[in-house]
Amino acid sequence: MNGYKISEAANRTGFSESALRFYEQQGVVVPERTSSGYRSYNAEDIESLQFLARAKRLGLTLDEISELLLLLDDDECRPVQDRMRALVTERIDETQAKIGDLIAFTGQLQRAAARLGPHTPDGGCDDDCGCKSDSPAVTTRTLIPLGASQDISCSIEPGQAVERIEDWKALLAQAVGRQPIPSGIRISFTRDVDIAGLSQLAASEQTCCQFFNFTIGIASDTVSLDVTGPGDAQPVIASIFGVAA
């Protein structure tokens, strides 16, 4: 029987032999066996494993990948593509929610850091030194997205960062296209998008995050939103507003 041994399949797919055995046990990719009992991976098995590797990099679960592999066996791209797009979109939503949580937590840490140092009492800690509690008088926080410079910062009320992300997520779900522009991205909508709501949300975002620049364009059949910013802001723009398809 012609085929690849498990060591050869591992070299071709990047998986360890133990991982290939695991996927076999789970019924995901099950190779044939030679008369001597050795595993023999054919070309289709290798393609399935390569697809599995990419899907794992996109954060898909093993159950979801198994579902996609069954669709892949039918040799019809559209069902695979439609289901994969839906799963990847779910991961985008989950990732953006996590980004909102991380941004909110970063603001909490920065608020605590700002309280440490200005007042150091003689002797033990007191209520104003920042070691035991936050000052109740502090109602805003400085927010710097992870990995950005100090110039890429926002001021926003505690607890509103996640809500703002949700507002953008709801609006951006209506987007019909994205294309790269210098220093940012252009997001396209149909004319029935809530232009007033879009303008208000962009204005609110720019008020607290002044490194963003927003430009709204209105044509006969489309509405566009240009989001630009400095180099350090590009990861933030991509995480919130997506990337060009």
C-alpha atoms as a PDB file:
ATOM      1  CA  MET A   1       0.000   0.000   0.000  1.00  0.00           C
ATOM      2  CA  ASN A   2       1.424   3.381  -0.994  1.00  0.00           C
ATOM      3  CA  GLY A   3       1.168   6.107   1.595  1.00  0.00           C
ATOM      4  CA  TYR A   4       2.991   8.129   4.199  1.00  0.00           C
ATOM      5  CA  LYS A   5       4.237   6.671   7.451  1.00  0.00           C
ATOM      6  CA  ILE A   6       3.252   8.527  10.595  1.00  0.00           C
ATOM      7  CA  SER A   7       6.720  10.094  10.825  1.00  0.00           C
ATOM      8  CA  GLU A   8       6.417  11.344   7.225  1.00  0.00           C
ATOM      9  CA  ALA A   9       2.909  12.683   7.879  1.00  0.00           C
ATOM     10  CA  ALA A  10       4.239  14.504  10.940  1.00  0.00           C
ATOM     11  CA  ASN A  11       7.003  16.121   8.880  1.00  0.00           C
ATOM     12  CA  ARG A  12       4.558  17.202   6.169  1.00  0.00           C
ATOM     13  CA  THR A  13       1.932  18.651   8.501  1.00  0.00           C
ATOM     14  CA  GLY A  14       3.959  20.006  11.425  1.00  0.00           C
ATOM     15  CA  PHE A  15       2.075  17.881  13.951  1.00  0.00           C
ATOM     16  CA  SER A  16       3.873  15.595  16.366  1.00  0.00           C
ATOM     17  CA  GLU A  17       3.323  11.871  16.055  1.00  0.00           C
ATOM     18  CA  SER A  18       1.499  11.888  19.391  1.00  0.00           C
ATOM     19  CA  ALA A  19      -0.860  14.594  18.049  1.00  0.00           C
ATOM     20  CA  LEU A  20      -1.585  12.486  14.961  1.00  0.00           C
ATOM     21  CA  ARG A  21      -2.379   9.517  17.184  1.00  0.00           C
ATOM     22  CA  PHE A  22      -4.700  11.733  19.231  1.00  0.00           C
ATOM     23  CA  TYR A  23      -6.569  12.930  16.128  1.00  0.00           C
ATOM     24  CA  GLU A  24      -6.906   9.311  15.036  1.00  0.00           C
ATOM     25  CA  GLN A  25      -8.325   8.332  18.439  1.00  0.00           C
ATOM     26  CA  GLN A  26     -10.819  11.199  18.184  1.00  0.00           C
ATOM     27  CA  GLY A  27     -11.887  10.018  14.735  1.00  0.00           C
ATOM     28  CA  VAL A  28     -10.844  13.279  13.063  1.00  0.00           C
ATOM     29  CA  VAL A  29      -8.257  11.926  10.606  1.00  0.00           C
ATOM     30  CA  VAL A  30      -8.048   8.132  10.605  1.00  0.00           C
ATOM     31  CA  PRO A  31      -5.373   6.660   8.314  1.00  0.00           C
ATOM     32  CA  GLU A  32      -5.583   3.223   6.781  1.00  0.00           C
ATOM     33  CA  ARG A  33      -3.376   0.419   8.042  1.00  0.00           C
ATOM     34  CA  THR A  34      -0.905  -1.717   6.143  1.00  0.00           C
ATOM     35  CA  SER A  35      -1.049  -5.499   6.309  1.00  0.00           C
ATOM     36  CA  SER A  36       1.617  -5.221   9.002  1.00  0.00           C
ATOM     37  CA  GLY A  37      -0.540  -2.863  11.053  1.00  0.00           C
ATOM     38  CA  TYR A  38       1.374   0.342  10.331  1.00  0.00           C
ATOM     39  CA  ARG A  39      -0.468   3.602   9.730  1.00  0.00           C
ATOM     40  CA  SER A  40      -0.545   4.754   6.121  1.00  0.00           C
ATOM     41  CA  TYR A  41      -1.631   8.362   5.407  1.00  0.00           C
ATOM     42  CA  ASN A  42      -2.790   9.117   1.872  1.00  0.00           C
ATOM     43  CA  ALA A  43      -2.782  12.491   0.114  1.00  0.00           C
ATOM     44  CA  GLU A  44      -6.315  13.291   1.292  1.00  0.00           C
ATOM     45  CA  ASP A  45      -5.309  12.619   4.899  1.00  0.00           C
ATOM     46  CA  ILE A  46      -2.389  15.028   4.556  1.00  0.00           C
ATOM     47  CA  GLU A  47      -4.669  17.709   3.091  1.00  0.00           C
ATOM     48  CA  SER A  48      -7.136  17.208   5.944  1.00  0.00           C
ATOM     49  CA  LEU A  49      -4.357  17.557   8.513  1.00  0.00           C
ATOM     50  CA  GLN A  50      -3.060  20.702   6.838  1.00  0.00           C
ATOM     51  CA  PHE A  51      -6.591  22.125   6.893  1.00  0.00           C
ATOM     52  CA  LEU A  52      -6.877  21.122  10.554  1.00  0.00           C
ATOM     53  CA  ALA A  53      -3.641  22.947  11.366  1.00  0.00           C
ATOM     54  CA  ARG A  54      -4.875  26.174   9.787  1.00  0.00           C
ATOM     55  CA  ALA A  55      -8.265  25.925  11.466  1.00  0.00           C
ATOM     56  CA  LYS A  56      -6.564  25.465  14.850  1.00  0.00           C
ATOM     57  CA  ARG A  57      -4.535  28.633  14.224  1.00  0.00           C
ATOM     58  CA  LEU A  58      -7.862  30.431  13.746  1.00  0.00           C
ATOM     59  CA  GLY A  59      -8.989  29.254  17.176  1.00  0.00           C
ATOM     60  CA  LEU A  60     -11.565  26.692  16.029  1.00  0.00           C
ATOM     61  CA  THR A  61     -12.378  23.796  18.322  1.00  0.00           C
ATOM     62  CA  LEU A  62     -11.830  20.173  17.410  1.00  0.00           C
ATOM     63  CA  ASP A  63     -15.586  19.586  17.123  1.00  0.00           C
ATOM     64  CA  GLU A  64     -15.913  22.555  14.768  1.00  0.00           C
ATOM     65  CA  ILE A  65     -12.964  21.340  12.697  1.00  0.00           C
ATOM     66  CA  SER A  66     -14.470  17.847  12.476  1.00  0.00           C
ATOM     67  CA  GLU A  67     -17.685  19.410  11.175  1.00  0.00           C
ATOM     68  CA  LEU A  68     -15.748  21.337   8.532  1.00  0.00           C
ATOM     69  CA  LEU A  69     -13.802  18.249   7.474  1.00  0.00           C
ATOM     70  CA  LEU A  70     -17.062  16.408   6.827  1.00  0.00           C
ATOM     71  CA  LEU A  71     -18.191  19.286   4.615  1.00  0.00           C
ATOM     72  CA  LEU A  72     -14.782  19.309   2.925  1.00  0.00           C
ATOM     73  CA  ASP A  73     -15.238  15.671   1.939  1.00  0.00           C
ATOM     74  CA  ASP A  74     -18.249  16.626  -0.210  1.00  0.00           C
ATOM     75  CA  ASP A  75     -16.004  18.575  -2.634  1.00  0.00           C
ATOM     76  CA  GLU A  76     -18.308  21.604  -2.480  1.00  0.00           C
ATOM     77  CA  CYS A  77     -16.532  24.781  -1.400  1.00  0.00           C
ATOM     78  CA  ARG A  78     -19.520  26.988  -0.608  1.00  0.00           C
ATOM     79  CA  PRO A  79     -20.844  25.033   2.406  1.00  0.00           C
ATOM     80  CA  VAL A  80     -17.318  24.855   3.825  1.00  0.00           C
ATOM     81  CA  GLN A  81     -16.753  28.555   3.244  1.00  0.00           C
ATOM     82  CA  ASP A  82     -20.124  29.613   4.653  1.00  0.00           C
ATOM     83  CA  ARG A  83     -19.721  27.577   7.835  1.00  0.00           C
ATOM     84  CA  MET A  84     -16.083  28.583   8.274  1.00  0.00           C
ATOM     85  CA  ARG A  85     -16.964  32.267   7.856  1.00  0.00           C
ATOM     86  CA  ALA A  86     -19.636  31.952  10.546  1.00  0.00           C
ATOM     87  CA  LEU A  87     -17.193  30.287  12.945  1.00  0.00           C
ATOM     88  CA  VAL A  88     -14.443  32.817  12.277  1.00  0.00           C
ATOM     89  CA  THR A  89     -16.921  35.666  12.805  1.00  0.00           C
ATOM     90  CA  GLU A  90     -17.771  34.174  16.201  1.00  0.00           C
ATOM     91  CA  ARG A  91     -14.060  34.191  17.060  1.00  0.00           C
ATOM     92  CA  ILE A  92     -13.830  37.842  15.997  1.00  0.00           C
ATOM     93  CA  ASP A  93     -16.678  38.734  18.344  1.00  0.00           C
ATOM     94  CA  GLU A  94     -15.073  36.776  21.192  1.00  0.00           C
ATOM     95  CA  THR A  95     -11.685  38.379  20.551  1.00  0.00           C
ATOM     96  CA  GLN A  96     -13.117  41.896  20.490  1.00  0.00           C
ATOM     97  CA  ALA A  97     -14.904  41.234  23.784  1.00  0.00           C
ATOM     98  CA  LYS A  98     -11.611  40.069  25.288  1.00  0.00           C
ATOM     99  CA  ILE A  99      -9.899  43.188  23.969  1.00  0.00           C
ATOM    100  CA  GLY A 100     -12.538  45.300  25.702  1.00  0.00           C
ATOM    101  CA  ASP A 101     -11.947  43.398  28.946  1.00  0.00           C
ATOM    102  CA  LEU A 102      -8.182  43.827  28.647  1.00  0.00           C
ATOM    103  CA  ILE A 103      -8.517  47.541  27.929  1.00  0.00           C
ATOM    104  CA  ALA A 104     -10.788  47.958  30.941  1.00  0.00           C
ATOM    105  CA  PHE A 105      -8.361  46.019  33.138  1.00  0.00           C
ATOM    106  CA  THR A 106      -5.425  48.069  31.818  1.00  0.00           C
ATOM    107  CA  GLY A 107      -7.270  51.213  32.860  1.00  0.00           C
ATOM    108  CA  GLN A 108      -7.849  49.748  36.322  1.00  0.00           C
ATOM    109  CA  LEU A 109      -4.129  48.990  36.681  1.00  0.00           C
ATOM    110  CA  GLN A 110      -3.154  52.448  35.467  1.00  0.00           C
ATOM    111  CA  ARG A 111      -5.561  54.044  37.893  1.00  0.00           C
ATOM    112  CA  ALA A 112      -3.956  52.072  40.732  1.00  0.00           C
ATOM    113  CA  ALA A 113      -0.455  52.995  39.527  1.00  0.00           C
ATOM    114  CA  ALA A 114      -1.376  56.691  39.467  1.00  0.00           C
ATOM    115  CA  ARG A 115      -2.418  56.476  43.130  1.00  0.00           C
ATOM    116  CA  LEU A 116       0.912  54.985  44.217  1.00  0.00           C
ATOM    117  CA  GLY A 117       3.626  57.534  44.900  1.00  0.00           C
ATOM    118  CA  PRO A 118       2.089  61.003  45.260  1.00  0.00           C
ATOM    119  CA  HIS A 119       1.445  60.444  48.974  1.00  0.00           C
ATOM    120  CA  THR A 120       3.751  58.326  51.133  1.00  0.00           C
ATOM    121  CA  PRO A 121       2.953  58.638  54.849  1.00  0.00           C
ATOM    122  CA  ASP A 122       5.472  58.266  57.621  1.00  0.00           C
ATOM    123  CA  GLY A 123       4.926  54.916  59.248  1.00  0.00           C
ATOM    124  CA  GLY A 124       2.167  52.601  58.125  1.00  0.00           C
ATOM    125  CA  CYS A 125      -0.086  52.896  55.080  1.00  0.00           C
ATOM    126  CA  ASP A 126      -3.177  55.057  55.373  1.00  0.00           C
ATOM    127  CA  ASP A 127      -6.325  55.592  53.311  1.00  0.00           C
ATOM    128  CA  ASP A 128      -4.651  58.105  50.981  1.00  0.00           C
ATOM    129  CA  CYS A 129      -1.439  56.311  50.016  1.00  0.00           C
ATOM    130  CA  GLY A 130      -3.067  54.157  47.345  1.00  0.00           C
ATOM    131  CA  CYS A 131      -1.877  50.847  48.761  1.00  0.00           C
ATOM    132  CA  LYS A 132      -5.186  49.804  50.244  1.00  0.00           C
ATOM    133  CA  SER A 133      -7.819  51.369  47.999  1.00  0.00           C
ATOM    134  CA  ASP A 134      -8.564  53.652  45.073  1.00  0.00           C
ATOM    135  CA  SER A 135      -9.558  57.222  45.740  1.00  0.00           C
ATOM    136  CA  PRO A 136     -13.357  57.581  45.495  1.00  0.00           C
ATOM    137  CA  ALA A 137     -12.806  60.997  43.960  1.00  0.00           C
ATOM    138  CA  VAL A 138     -11.194  59.480  40.844  1.00  0.00           C
ATOM    139  CA  THR A 139     -13.974  58.892  38.316  1.00  0.00           C
ATOM    140  CA  THR A 140     -12.010  58.658  35.075  1.00  0.00           C
ATOM    141  CA  ARG A 141      -9.054  56.627  34.035  1.00  0.00           C
ATOM    142  CA  THR A 142      -6.331  56.909  31.467  1.00  0.00           C
ATOM    143  CA  LEU A 143      -6.454  53.978  29.111  1.00  0.00           C
ATOM    144  CA  ILE A 144      -3.516  52.868  26.971  1.00  0.00           C
ATOM    145  CA  PRO A 145      -4.079  49.832  24.719  1.00  0.00           C
ATOM    146  CA  LEU A 146      -1.554  47.059  25.287  1.00  0.00           C
ATOM    147  CA  GLY A 147       1.629  47.449  23.262  1.00  0.00           C
ATOM    148  CA  ALA A 148       1.034  51.104  22.368  1.00  0.00           C
ATOM    149  CA  SER A 149       3.070  54.156  23.268  1.00  0.00           C
ATOM    150  CA  GLN A 150       2.018  56.721  25.844  1.00  0.00           C
ATOM    151  CA  ASP A 151       0.698  58.909  23.002  1.00  0.00           C
ATOM    152  CA  ILE A 152      -1.929  56.289  22.185  1.00  0.00           C
ATOM    153  CA  SER A 153      -4.191  56.818  25.155  1.00  0.00           C
ATOM    154  CA  CYS A 154      -7.837  57.355  25.988  1.00  0.00           C
ATOM    155  CA  SER A 155      -9.827  58.793  28.851  1.00  0.00           C
ATOM    156  CA  ILE A 156     -13.089  57.010  29.511  1.00  0.00           C
ATOM    157  CA  GLU A 157     -15.381  56.346  32.448  1.00  0.00           C
ATOM    158  CA  PRO A 158     -14.739  53.069  34.281  1.00  0.00           C
ATOM    159  CA  GLY A 159     -16.856  50.251  32.924  1.00  0.00           C
ATOM    160  CA  GLN A 160     -17.633  51.997  29.628  1.00  0.00           C
ATOM    161  CA  ALA A 161     -14.809  50.475  27.584  1.00  0.00           C
ATOM    162  CA  VAL A 162     -16.601  47.144  27.091  1.00  0.00           C
ATOM    163  CA  GLU A 163     -19.887  48.932  26.363  1.00  0.00           C
ATOM    164  CA  ARG A 164     -18.153  51.057  23.719  1.00  0.00           C
ATOM    165  CA  ILE A 165     -16.732  47.939  22.072  1.00  0.00           C
ATOM    166  CA  GLU A 166     -20.240  46.447  21.986  1.00  0.00           C
ATOM    167  CA  ASP A 167     -21.603  49.618  20.348  1.00  0.00           C
ATOM    168  CA  TRP A 168     -18.956  49.427  17.630  1.00  0.00           C
ATOM    169  CA  LYS A 169     -19.544  45.699  17.175  1.00  0.00           C
ATOM    170  CA  ALA A 170     -23.273  46.259  16.569  1.00  0.00           C
ATOM    171  CA  LEU A 171     -22.607  49.024  14.060  1.00  0.00           C
ATOM    172  CA  LEU A 172     -19.752  47.272  12.249  1.00  0.00           C
ATOM    173  CA  ALA A 173     -21.910  44.176  11.792  1.00  0.00           C
ATOM    174  CA  GLN A 174     -23.703  46.233   9.110  1.00  0.00           C
ATOM    175  CA  ALA A 175     -20.496  46.859   7.130  1.00  0.00           C
ATOM    176  CA  VAL A 176     -20.508  45.652   3.522  1.00  0.00           C
ATOM    177  CA  GLY A 177     -16.820  46.150   2.834  1.00  0.00           C
ATOM    178  CA  ARG A 178     -13.421  47.153   4.184  1.00  0.00           C
ATOM    179  CA  GLN A 179     -10.410  48.429   2.281  1.00  0.00           C
ATOM    180  CA  PRO A 180      -7.017  49.710   3.405  1.00  0.00           C
ATOM    181  CA  ILE A 181      -6.241  53.424   3.188  1.00  0.00           C
ATOM    182  CA  PRO A 182      -3.091  55.270   4.249  1.00  0.00           C
ATOM    183  CA  SER A 183      -2.783  55.070   8.056  1.00  0.00           C
ATOM    184  CA  GLY A 184      -6.017  53.159   8.523  1.00  0.00           C
ATOM    185  CA  ILE A 185      -9.079  51.530   7.035  1.00  0.00           C
ATOM    186  CA  ARG A 186     -12.210  52.535   5.097  1.00  0.00           C
ATOM    187  CA  ILE A 187     -15.408  50.784   6.140  1.00  0.00           C
ATOM    188  CA  SER A 188     -18.355  50.814   3.725  1.00  0.00           C
ATOM    189  CA  PHE A 189     -22.056  50.667   4.561  1.00  0.00           C
ATOM    190  CA  THR A 190     -25.252  50.841   2.544  1.00  0.00           C
ATOM    191  CA  ARG A 191     -27.224  54.080   2.588  1.00  0.00           C
ATOM    192  CA  ASP A 192     -29.717  52.694   5.110  1.00  0.00           C
ATOM    193  CA  VAL A 193     -27.112  52.692   7.884  1.00  0.00           C
ATOM    194  CA  ASP A 194     -27.912  55.011  10.795  1.00  0.00           C
ATOM    195  CA  ILE A 195     -25.711  57.924   9.746  1.00  0.00           C
ATOM    196  CA  ALA A 196     -26.602  59.990  12.794  1.00  0.00           C
ATOM    197  CA  GLY A 197     -25.768  57.099  15.100  1.00  0.00           C
ATOM    198  CA  LEU A 198     -22.523  56.495  13.224  1.00  0.00           C
ATOM    199  CA  SER A 199     -21.557  60.148  13.553  1.00  0.00           C
ATOM    200  CA  GLN A 200     -22.402  60.249  17.241  1.00  0.00           C
ATOM    201  CA  LEU A 201     -20.427  57.105  18.011  1.00  0.00           C
ATOM    202  CA  ALA A 202     -17.400  58.342  16.052  1.00  0.00           C
ATOM    203  CA  ALA A 203     -17.570  61.714  17.821  1.00  0.00           C
ATOM    204  CA  SER A 204     -17.777  60.049  21.237  1.00  0.00           C
ATOM    205  CA  GLU A 205     -14.812  57.831  20.399  1.00  0.00           C
ATOM    206  CA  GLN A 206     -12.715  60.735  19.178  1.00  0.00           C
ATOM    207  CA  THR A 207     -13.513  62.776  22.274  1.00  0.00           C
ATOM    208  CA  CYS A 208     -11.958  60.213  24.606  1.00  0.00           C
ATOM    209  CA  CYS A 209      -9.393  58.735  22.178  1.00  0.00           C
ATOM    210  CA  GLN A 210      -8.004  61.722  20.323  1.00  0.00           C
ATOM    211  CA  PHE A 211      -5.426  59.729  18.374  1.00  0.00           C
ATOM    212  CA  PHE A 212      -8.293  58.459  16.189  1.00  0.00           C
ATOM    213  CA  ASN A 213      -9.327  60.445  13.110  1.00  0.00           C
ATOM    214  CA  PHE A 214     -12.780  59.756  11.652  1.00  0.00           C
ATOM    215  CA  THR A 215     -14.106  60.881   8.264  1.00  0.00           C
ATOM    216  CA  ILE A 216     -17.612  60.030   7.095  1.00  0.00           C
ATOM    217  CA  GLY A 217     -18.379  60.089   3.382  1.00  0.00           C
ATOM    218  CA  ILE A 218     -21.887  59.961   1.911  1.00  0.00           C
ATOM    219  CA  ALA A 219     -22.411  58.931  -1.721  1.00  0.00           C
ATOM    220  CA  SER A 220     -25.545  58.097  -3.695  1.00  0.00           C
ATOM    221  CA  ASP A 221     -25.574  54.446  -2.654  1.00  0.00           C
ATOM    222  CA  THR A 222     -22.935  54.050   0.050  1.00  0.00           C
ATOM    223  CA  VAL A 223     -21.713  55.548   3.296  1.00  0.00           C
ATOM    224  CA  SER A 224     -18.061  55.234   4.218  1.00  0.00           C
ATOM    225  CA  LEU A 225     -16.212  55.624   7.497  1.00  0.00           C
ATOM    226  CA  ASP A 226     -12.468  56.284   7.322  1.00  0.00           C
ATOM    227  CA  VAL A 227     -10.600  55.480  10.530  1.00  0.00           C
ATOM    228  CA  THR A 228      -6.976  56.598  10.660  1.00  0.00           C
ATOM    229  CA  GLY A 229      -4.321  57.128  13.276  1.00  0.00           C
ATOM    230  CA  PRO A 230      -0.574  57.128  13.913  1.00  0.00           C
ATOM    231  CA  GLY A 231       1.584  54.053  13.448  1.00  0.00           C
ATOM    232  CA  ASP A 232       1.280  52.928  17.055  1.00  0.00           C
ATOM    233  CA  ALA A 233      -2.505  53.007  16.738  1.00  0.00           C
ATOM    234  CA  GLN A 234      -2.708  50.551  13.823  1.00  0.00           C
ATOM    235  CA  PRO A 235      -3.078  47.422  16.017  1.00  0.00           C
ATOM    236  CA  VAL A 236      -5.831  49.199  17.950  1.00  0.00           C
ATOM    237  CA  ILE A 237      -7.620  50.194  14.737  1.00  0.00           C
ATOM    238  CA  ALA A 238      -7.394  46.625  13.443  1.00  0.00           C
ATOM    239  CA  SER A 239      -8.645  45.106  16.707  1.00  0.00           C
ATOM    240  CA  ILE A 240     -11.694  47.386  16.950  1.00  0.00           C
ATOM    241  CA  PHE A 241     -12.607  48.102  13.328  1.00  0.00           C
ATOM    242  CA  GLY A 242     -11.309  44.975  11.600  1.00  0.00           C
ATOM    243  CA  VAL A 243      -8.959  44.543   8.680  1.00  0.00           C
ATOM    244  CA  ALA A 244      -9.496  44.912   4.955  1.00  0.00           C
ATOM    245  CA  ALA A 245     -10.791  41.735   3.334  1.00  0.00           C
END
